[in-house]
Amino acid sequence: MARHMGHITSPITGKPEVIPLAGFVPEDNDQVASRWRQWRAYLCVDSAVGIIGNIVTTLMTCFLAFALLYPKGLVPQEWELVVHQMRFFEVSWGAFGKLLFAIIAAAFLSDTWLTTLDAVSRVHTDFVLCFFPAARKYHPRVWYYGIAIALTVVTVVTMHFASPQALILLSAVLGFVGTVIFTGALLVLNYFWLPRWLPEPIRPRPIGAVALSTSWLAYLLLACVYLWLQVSAIR
């Protein structure tokens, strides 16, 4: 898919590419069904790697915490989150293990942040150019780097407002709210608006609507439980 899209090139070494604002609608031909099956298979494998990987790493972290932190009554709080996690490596490799974990944690957070920065900047660039025609007098690259710089400044400033624990909780809540909204919007998009534009072989099937609706209802239920617990705690 990326081969058919305009790229955000470097403002120093690359020339601006033509980036179309319109999307692409698959053509109704003999190859569309085969290509869709290949794309869906890739998405299933990609999603499975993420889901299984998260489950395994989460369980490993829980087991390590239970084996190393729980017996000593250590519960990560505020700024001690990474400090206590360093004990996972310290037990086996001493001071070098602590340093190695700190480097891994920094690399992991940096990689995640850079990926998120790129994705969010590109999405906001597309949004600005699609919904505000006056903004099109500037190349998408200008908007992309402008938004990326603005988000970087916001990150640098806000990361000092609270401890990692508070920021992680805030990010989780915002992400969950976004998931509830996004899943509902995706349901409407895929099964009420988009099908009329797609060839019949690749239109979403009813089984997908059932699965997506089930997921959305589960998210809504969890959101209601969370809100109920927060209100009960305030009272």
C-alpha atoms as a PDB file:
ATOM      1  CA  MET A   1       0.000   0.000   0.000  1.00  0.00           C
ATOM      2  CA  ALA A   2       2.818   2.411   0.860  1.00  0.00           C
ATOM      3  CA  ARG A   3       4.210   2.080  -2.660  1.00  0.00           C
ATOM      4  CA  HIS A   4       1.153   3.871  -4.059  1.00  0.00           C
ATOM      5  CA  MET A   5       1.176   6.751  -1.565  1.00  0.00           C
ATOM      6  CA  GLY A   6       3.218   9.932  -1.598  1.00  0.00           C
ATOM      7  CA  HIS A   7       6.045   9.924   0.952  1.00  0.00           C
ATOM      8  CA  ILE A   8       7.002  12.600   3.458  1.00  0.00           C
ATOM      9  CA  THR A   9      10.598  13.173   2.356  1.00  0.00           C
ATOM     10  CA  SER A  10      13.433  14.804   4.258  1.00  0.00           C
ATOM     11  CA  PRO A  11      13.418  18.627   4.053  1.00  0.00           C
ATOM     12  CA  ILE A  12      17.224  18.504   3.739  1.00  0.00           C
ATOM     13  CA  THR A  13      18.013  15.620   1.381  1.00  0.00           C
ATOM     14  CA  GLY A  14      14.753  14.864  -0.440  1.00  0.00           C
ATOM     15  CA  LYS A  15      12.489  16.682  -2.893  1.00  0.00           C
ATOM     16  CA  PRO A  16       8.782  17.010  -2.033  1.00  0.00           C
ATOM     17  CA  GLU A  17       6.665  14.291  -3.600  1.00  0.00           C
ATOM     18  CA  VAL A  18       3.168  14.674  -4.958  1.00  0.00           C
ATOM     19  CA  ILE A  19       0.830  13.474  -2.213  1.00  0.00           C
ATOM     20  CA  PRO A  20      -2.772  13.007  -3.391  1.00  0.00           C
ATOM     21  CA  LEU A  21      -5.530  13.883  -0.946  1.00  0.00           C
ATOM     22  CA  ALA A  22      -8.014  11.398  -2.384  1.00  0.00           C
ATOM     23  CA  GLY A  23      -7.962   7.737  -1.494  1.00  0.00           C
ATOM     24  CA  PHE A  24      -8.202   4.710  -3.758  1.00  0.00           C
ATOM     25  CA  VAL A  25     -11.202   2.493  -4.449  1.00  0.00           C
ATOM     26  CA  PRO A  26     -10.368  -1.095  -5.549  1.00  0.00           C
ATOM     27  CA  GLU A  27     -11.470  -1.964  -9.064  1.00  0.00           C
ATOM     28  CA  ASP A  28     -13.929  -4.805  -9.611  1.00  0.00           C
ATOM     29  CA  ASN A  29     -11.819  -7.307 -11.542  1.00  0.00           C
ATOM     30  CA  ASP A  30     -10.647 -10.910 -11.354  1.00  0.00           C
ATOM     31  CA  GLN A  31      -7.647 -10.102  -9.152  1.00  0.00           C
ATOM     32  CA  VAL A  32      -9.336  -8.034  -6.462  1.00  0.00           C
ATOM     33  CA  ALA A  33     -10.613 -11.034  -4.460  1.00  0.00           C
ATOM     34  CA  SER A  34      -7.227 -12.782  -4.553  1.00  0.00           C
ATOM     35  CA  ARG A  35      -5.367  -9.669  -3.529  1.00  0.00           C
ATOM     36  CA  TRP A  36      -7.829  -9.064  -0.710  1.00  0.00           C
ATOM     37  CA  ARG A  37      -7.299 -12.586   0.644  1.00  0.00           C
ATOM     38  CA  GLN A  38      -3.530 -12.065   0.601  1.00  0.00           C
ATOM     39  CA  TRP A  39      -3.846  -8.705   2.349  1.00  0.00           C
ATOM     40  CA  ARG A  40      -6.208 -10.123   4.964  1.00  0.00           C
ATOM     41  CA  ALA A  41      -3.846 -13.044   5.632  1.00  0.00           C
ATOM     42  CA  TYR A  42      -1.000 -10.595   6.152  1.00  0.00           C
ATOM     43  CA  LEU A  43      -3.100  -8.522   8.549  1.00  0.00           C
ATOM     44  CA  CYS A  44      -4.066 -11.640  10.521  1.00  0.00           C
ATOM     45  CA  VAL A  45      -0.430 -12.694  10.903  1.00  0.00           C
ATOM     46  CA  ASP A  46       0.651  -9.152  11.795  1.00  0.00           C
ATOM     47  CA  SER A  47      -2.110  -8.818  14.392  1.00  0.00           C
ATOM     48  CA  ALA A  48      -1.370 -12.261  15.826  1.00  0.00           C
ATOM     49  CA  VAL A  49       2.294 -11.337  16.335  1.00  0.00           C
ATOM     50  CA  GLY A  50       1.248  -8.209  18.241  1.00  0.00           C
ATOM     51  CA  ILE A  51      -1.431  -9.926  20.331  1.00  0.00           C
ATOM     52  CA  ILE A  52       0.600 -13.023  21.199  1.00  0.00           C
ATOM     53  CA  GLY A  53       3.737 -10.956  21.793  1.00  0.00           C
ATOM     54  CA  ASN A  54       1.898  -8.642  24.193  1.00  0.00           C
ATOM     55  CA  ILE A  55       0.356 -11.559  26.065  1.00  0.00           C
ATOM     56  CA  VAL A  56       3.711 -13.332  26.457  1.00  0.00           C
ATOM     57  CA  THR A  57       5.665 -10.236  27.526  1.00  0.00           C
ATOM     58  CA  THR A  58       2.916  -9.159  29.934  1.00  0.00           C
ATOM     59  CA  LEU A  59       2.835 -12.596  31.568  1.00  0.00           C
ATOM     60  CA  MET A  60       6.630 -12.661  31.802  1.00  0.00           C
ATOM     61  CA  THR A  61       6.628  -9.252  33.467  1.00  0.00           C
ATOM     62  CA  CYS A  62       3.934 -10.393  35.915  1.00  0.00           C
ATOM     63  CA  PHE A  63       5.881 -13.563  36.789  1.00  0.00           C
ATOM     64  CA  LEU A  64       9.096 -11.613  37.284  1.00  0.00           C
ATOM     65  CA  ALA A  65       7.344  -9.086  39.515  1.00  0.00           C
ATOM     66  CA  PHE A  66       5.742 -11.897  41.530  1.00  0.00           C
ATOM     67  CA  ALA A  67       9.061 -13.719  41.925  1.00  0.00           C
ATOM     68  CA  LEU A  68      11.368 -10.760  42.598  1.00  0.00           C
ATOM     69  CA  LEU A  69       9.333  -7.799  43.839  1.00  0.00           C
ATOM     70  CA  TYR A  70       6.403  -9.347  45.683  1.00  0.00           C
ATOM     71  CA  PRO A  71       8.478 -11.314  48.263  1.00  0.00           C
ATOM     72  CA  LYS A  72      10.192  -8.050  49.285  1.00  0.00           C
ATOM     73  CA  GLY A  73       6.957  -6.058  49.310  1.00  0.00           C
ATOM     74  CA  LEU A  74       8.176  -3.743  46.555  1.00  0.00           C
ATOM     75  CA  VAL A  75       5.371  -2.026  44.659  1.00  0.00           C
ATOM     76  CA  PRO A  76       6.464   0.458  41.956  1.00  0.00           C
ATOM     77  CA  GLN A  77       5.128   3.916  42.753  1.00  0.00           C
ATOM     78  CA  GLU A  78       5.513   7.307  41.117  1.00  0.00           C
ATOM     79  CA  TRP A  79       9.102   7.625  39.817  1.00  0.00           C
ATOM     80  CA  GLU A  80      10.184   4.156  41.047  1.00  0.00           C
ATOM     81  CA  LEU A  81       8.579   2.251  38.183  1.00  0.00           C
ATOM     82  CA  VAL A  82      11.737   1.597  36.165  1.00  0.00           C
ATOM     83  CA  VAL A  83      13.934   1.476  39.275  1.00  0.00           C
ATOM     84  CA  HIS A  84      12.117  -1.573  40.617  1.00  0.00           C
ATOM     85  CA  GLN A  85      11.937  -3.196  37.193  1.00  0.00           C
ATOM     86  CA  MET A  86      15.709  -2.981  36.982  1.00  0.00           C
ATOM     87  CA  ARG A  87      15.801  -5.673  39.668  1.00  0.00           C
ATOM     88  CA  PHE A  88      14.662  -8.178  37.018  1.00  0.00           C
ATOM     89  CA  PHE A  89      18.125  -8.002  35.420  1.00  0.00           C
ATOM     90  CA  GLU A  90      20.039  -7.067  38.553  1.00  0.00           C
ATOM     91  CA  VAL A  91      19.358 -10.461  40.135  1.00  0.00           C
ATOM     92  CA  SER A  92      21.254 -12.256  37.360  1.00  0.00           C
ATOM     93  CA  TRP A  93      23.803  -9.707  36.132  1.00  0.00           C
ATOM     94  CA  GLY A  94      24.255  -7.235  38.964  1.00  0.00           C
ATOM     95  CA  ALA A  95      24.973  -3.580  38.204  1.00  0.00           C
ATOM     96  CA  PHE A  96      25.535  -4.358  34.517  1.00  0.00           C
ATOM     97  CA  GLY A  97      22.039  -5.868  34.373  1.00  0.00           C
ATOM     98  CA  LYS A  98      20.500  -2.714  35.827  1.00  0.00           C
ATOM     99  CA  LEU A  99      22.306  -0.584  33.254  1.00  0.00           C
ATOM    100  CA  LEU A 100      21.279  -2.923  30.435  1.00  0.00           C
ATOM    101  CA  PHE A 101      17.611  -2.754  31.449  1.00  0.00           C
ATOM    102  CA  ALA A 102      17.751   1.054  31.590  1.00  0.00           C
ATOM    103  CA  ILE A 103      19.164   1.150  28.059  1.00  0.00           C
ATOM    104  CA  ILE A 104      16.519  -1.300  26.811  1.00  0.00           C
ATOM    105  CA  ALA A 105      13.740   0.708  28.473  1.00  0.00           C
ATOM    106  CA  ALA A 106      15.007   3.952  26.947  1.00  0.00           C
ATOM    107  CA  ALA A 107      15.271   2.355  23.505  1.00  0.00           C
ATOM    108  CA  PHE A 108      11.791   0.857  23.793  1.00  0.00           C
ATOM    109  CA  LEU A 109      10.187   4.136  24.846  1.00  0.00           C
ATOM    110  CA  SER A 110      12.068   6.105  22.176  1.00  0.00           C
ATOM    111  CA  ASP A 111      11.050   3.681  19.448  1.00  0.00           C
ATOM    112  CA  THR A 112       7.401   3.753  20.541  1.00  0.00           C
ATOM    113  CA  TRP A 113       7.389   7.539  20.774  1.00  0.00           C
ATOM    114  CA  LEU A 114       8.967   8.021  17.333  1.00  0.00           C
ATOM    115  CA  THR A 115       6.494   5.615  15.726  1.00  0.00           C
ATOM    116  CA  THR A 116       3.575   7.374  17.385  1.00  0.00           C
ATOM    117  CA  LEU A 117       4.931  10.800  16.449  1.00  0.00           C
ATOM    118  CA  ASP A 118       5.158   9.817  12.782  1.00  0.00           C
ATOM    119  CA  ALA A 119       1.683   8.260  12.666  1.00  0.00           C
ATOM    120  CA  VAL A 120      -0.067  11.071  14.540  1.00  0.00           C
ATOM    121  CA  SER A 121       1.673  13.762  12.495  1.00  0.00           C
ATOM    122  CA  ARG A 122       0.689  12.107   9.202  1.00  0.00           C
ATOM    123  CA  VAL A 123      -2.928  11.585  10.278  1.00  0.00           C
ATOM    124  CA  HIS A 124      -3.265  15.190  11.427  1.00  0.00           C
ATOM    125  CA  THR A 125      -1.662  16.390   8.201  1.00  0.00           C
ATOM    126  CA  ASP A 126      -4.216  14.485   6.135  1.00  0.00           C
ATOM    127  CA  PHE A 127      -7.017  15.799   8.347  1.00  0.00           C
ATOM    128  CA  VAL A 128      -5.951  19.433   8.012  1.00  0.00           C
ATOM    129  CA  LEU A 129      -5.552  19.232   4.233  1.00  0.00           C
ATOM    130  CA  CYS A 130      -8.839  17.370   3.667  1.00  0.00           C
ATOM    131  CA  PHE A 131     -11.084  19.516   5.855  1.00  0.00           C
ATOM    132  CA  PHE A 132      -9.438  22.930   5.458  1.00  0.00           C
ATOM    133  CA  PRO A 133      -8.902  23.692   1.741  1.00  0.00           C
ATOM    134  CA  ALA A 134      -7.066  26.934   2.540  1.00  0.00           C
ATOM    135  CA  ALA A 135      -4.285  24.866   4.138  1.00  0.00           C
ATOM    136  CA  ARG A 136      -3.463  23.267   0.780  1.00  0.00           C
ATOM    137  CA  LYS A 137      -1.368  26.228  -0.305  1.00  0.00           C
ATOM    138  CA  TYR A 138       1.397  24.620   1.767  1.00  0.00           C
ATOM    139  CA  HIS A 139       2.881  21.247   0.866  1.00  0.00           C
ATOM    140  CA  PRO A 140       1.936  18.331   3.153  1.00  0.00           C
ATOM    141  CA  ARG A 141       5.583  18.107   4.179  1.00  0.00           C
ATOM    142  CA  VAL A 142       5.345  21.584   5.737  1.00  0.00           C
ATOM    143  CA  TRP A 143       2.318  20.586   7.801  1.00  0.00           C
ATOM    144  CA  TYR A 144       3.830  17.225   8.746  1.00  0.00           C
ATOM    145  CA  TYR A 145       7.047  18.651  10.156  1.00  0.00           C
ATOM    146  CA  GLY A 146       5.219  21.567  11.753  1.00  0.00           C
ATOM    147  CA  ILE A 147       2.861  19.217  13.578  1.00  0.00           C
ATOM    148  CA  ALA A 148       5.732  16.888  14.506  1.00  0.00           C
ATOM    149  CA  ILE A 149       7.697  19.785  16.035  1.00  0.00           C
ATOM    150  CA  ALA A 150       4.615  21.008  17.915  1.00  0.00           C
ATOM    151  CA  LEU A 151       3.950  17.531  19.321  1.00  0.00           C
ATOM    152  CA  THR A 152       7.591  17.196  20.346  1.00  0.00           C
ATOM    153  CA  VAL A 153       7.392  20.480  22.264  1.00  0.00           C
ATOM    154  CA  VAL A 154       4.160  19.377  23.937  1.00  0.00           C
ATOM    155  CA  THR A 155       5.778  16.075  24.938  1.00  0.00           C
ATOM    156  CA  VAL A 156       8.878  17.730  26.384  1.00  0.00           C
ATOM    157  CA  VAL A 157       6.769  20.180  28.404  1.00  0.00           C
ATOM    158  CA  THR A 158       4.028  17.862  29.663  1.00  0.00           C
ATOM    159  CA  MET A 159       6.309  14.964  30.650  1.00  0.00           C
ATOM    160  CA  HIS A 160       7.458  17.019  33.641  1.00  0.00           C
ATOM    161  CA  PHE A 161       3.933  17.706  34.907  1.00  0.00           C
ATOM    162  CA  ALA A 162       3.492  14.365  36.654  1.00  0.00           C
ATOM    163  CA  SER A 163       5.210  11.097  37.490  1.00  0.00           C
ATOM    164  CA  PRO A 164       5.408   8.256  34.960  1.00  0.00           C
ATOM    165  CA  GLN A 165       2.717   6.429  36.898  1.00  0.00           C
ATOM    166  CA  ALA A 166       0.239   9.303  36.485  1.00  0.00           C
ATOM    167  CA  LEU A 167       1.122   9.800  32.821  1.00  0.00           C
ATOM    168  CA  ILE A 168       0.768   6.082  32.076  1.00  0.00           C
ATOM    169  CA  LEU A 169      -2.655   6.061  33.725  1.00  0.00           C
ATOM    170  CA  LEU A 170      -3.737   9.188  31.841  1.00  0.00           C
ATOM    171  CA  SER A 171      -2.503   7.741  28.527  1.00  0.00           C
ATOM    172  CA  ALA A 172      -4.311   4.483  29.219  1.00  0.00           C
ATOM    173  CA  VAL A 173      -7.605   6.240  29.976  1.00  0.00           C
ATOM    174  CA  LEU A 174      -7.352   8.476  26.903  1.00  0.00           C
ATOM    175  CA  GLY A 175      -6.410   5.483  24.762  1.00  0.00           C
ATOM    176  CA  PHE A 176      -9.369   3.509  26.074  1.00  0.00           C
ATOM    177  CA  VAL A 177     -11.773   6.381  25.357  1.00  0.00           C
ATOM    178  CA  GLY A 178     -10.321   6.616  21.869  1.00  0.00           C
ATOM    179  CA  THR A 179     -10.750   2.866  21.391  1.00  0.00           C
ATOM    180  CA  VAL A 180     -14.437   3.037  22.337  1.00  0.00           C
ATOM    181  CA  ILE A 181     -15.057   5.895  19.912  1.00  0.00           C
ATOM    182  CA  PHE A 182     -12.908   4.434  17.133  1.00  0.00           C
ATOM    183  CA  THR A 183     -14.511   0.975  17.309  1.00  0.00           C
ATOM    184  CA  GLY A 184     -18.013   2.434  17.062  1.00  0.00           C
ATOM    185  CA  ALA A 185     -16.993   4.705  14.177  1.00  0.00           C
ATOM    186  CA  LEU A 186     -15.299   1.767  12.407  1.00  0.00           C
ATOM    187  CA  LEU A 187     -18.480  -0.261  12.729  1.00  0.00           C
ATOM    188  CA  VAL A 188     -20.523   2.500  11.091  1.00  0.00           C
ATOM    189  CA  LEU A 189     -17.887   3.096   8.395  1.00  0.00           C
ATOM    190  CA  ASN A 190     -17.414  -0.562   7.425  1.00  0.00           C
ATOM    191  CA  TYR A 191     -21.031  -1.713   7.458  1.00  0.00           C
ATOM    192  CA  PHE A 192     -23.166   1.346   6.733  1.00  0.00           C
ATOM    193  CA  TRP A 193     -21.152   3.754   4.566  1.00  0.00           C
ATOM    194  CA  LEU A 194     -18.207   2.014   2.908  1.00  0.00           C
ATOM    195  CA  PRO A 195     -19.864  -1.086   1.311  1.00  0.00           C
ATOM    196  CA  ARG A 196     -21.618   0.910  -1.404  1.00  0.00           C
ATOM    197  CA  TRP A 197     -18.218   1.986  -2.762  1.00  0.00           C
ATOM    198  CA  LEU A 198     -16.560  -1.439  -2.741  1.00  0.00           C
ATOM    199  CA  PRO A 199     -16.750  -4.316  -5.219  1.00  0.00           C
ATOM    200  CA  GLU A 200     -18.956  -7.147  -3.989  1.00  0.00           C
ATOM    201  CA  PRO A 201     -16.128  -9.713  -3.446  1.00  0.00           C
ATOM    202  CA  ILE A 202     -14.427  -7.553  -0.821  1.00  0.00           C
ATOM    203  CA  ARG A 203     -17.393  -6.043   0.981  1.00  0.00           C
ATOM    204  CA  PRO A 204     -17.426  -6.669   4.751  1.00  0.00           C
ATOM    205  CA  ARG A 205     -19.316  -9.826   5.717  1.00  0.00           C
ATOM    206  CA  PRO A 206     -21.984 -10.109   8.452  1.00  0.00           C
ATOM    207  CA  ILE A 207     -19.701 -12.275  10.621  1.00  0.00           C
ATOM    208  CA  GLY A 208     -17.320  -9.325  10.828  1.00  0.00           C
ATOM    209  CA  ALA A 209     -20.127  -7.046  11.971  1.00  0.00           C
ATOM    210  CA  VAL A 210     -21.021  -9.515  14.722  1.00  0.00           C
ATOM    211  CA  ALA A 211     -17.405  -9.785  15.911  1.00  0.00           C
ATOM    212  CA  LEU A 212     -16.809  -6.024  15.795  1.00  0.00           C
ATOM    213  CA  SER A 213     -20.118  -5.296  17.560  1.00  0.00           C
ATOM    214  CA  THR A 214     -19.206  -7.778  20.293  1.00  0.00           C
ATOM    215  CA  SER A 215     -15.844  -6.084  20.797  1.00  0.00           C
ATOM    216  CA  TRP A 216     -17.466  -2.652  20.876  1.00  0.00           C
ATOM    217  CA  LEU A 217     -20.049  -3.747  23.440  1.00  0.00           C
ATOM    218  CA  ALA A 218     -17.267  -5.216  25.578  1.00  0.00           C
ATOM    219  CA  TYR A 219     -15.375  -1.913  25.450  1.00  0.00           C
ATOM    220  CA  LEU A 220     -18.546   0.008  26.326  1.00  0.00           C
ATOM    221  CA  LEU A 221     -19.213  -2.303  29.264  1.00  0.00           C
ATOM    222  CA  LEU A 222     -15.666  -1.909  30.575  1.00  0.00           C
ATOM    223  CA  ALA A 223     -15.917   1.869  30.151  1.00  0.00           C
ATOM    224  CA  CYS A 224     -19.148   1.933  32.147  1.00  0.00           C
ATOM    225  CA  VAL A 225     -17.586  -0.196  34.902  1.00  0.00           C
ATOM    226  CA  TYR A 226     -14.558   2.111  35.058  1.00  0.00           C
ATOM    227  CA  LEU A 227     -16.751   5.215  35.287  1.00  0.00           C
ATOM    228  CA  TRP A 228     -18.883   3.575  37.961  1.00  0.00           C
ATOM    229  CA  LEU A 229     -15.793   2.736  40.026  1.00  0.00           C
ATOM    230  CA  GLN A 230     -14.461   6.287  39.685  1.00  0.00           C
ATOM    231  CA  VAL A 231     -17.775   7.825  40.732  1.00  0.00           C
ATOM    232  CA  SER A 232     -18.020   5.401  43.670  1.00  0.00           C
ATOM    233  CA  ALA A 233     -14.495   6.326  44.772  1.00  0.00           C
ATOM    234  CA  ILE A 234     -15.356  10.044  44.705  1.00  0.00           C
ATOM    235  CA  ARG A 235     -18.470   9.468  46.808  1.00  0.00           C
END
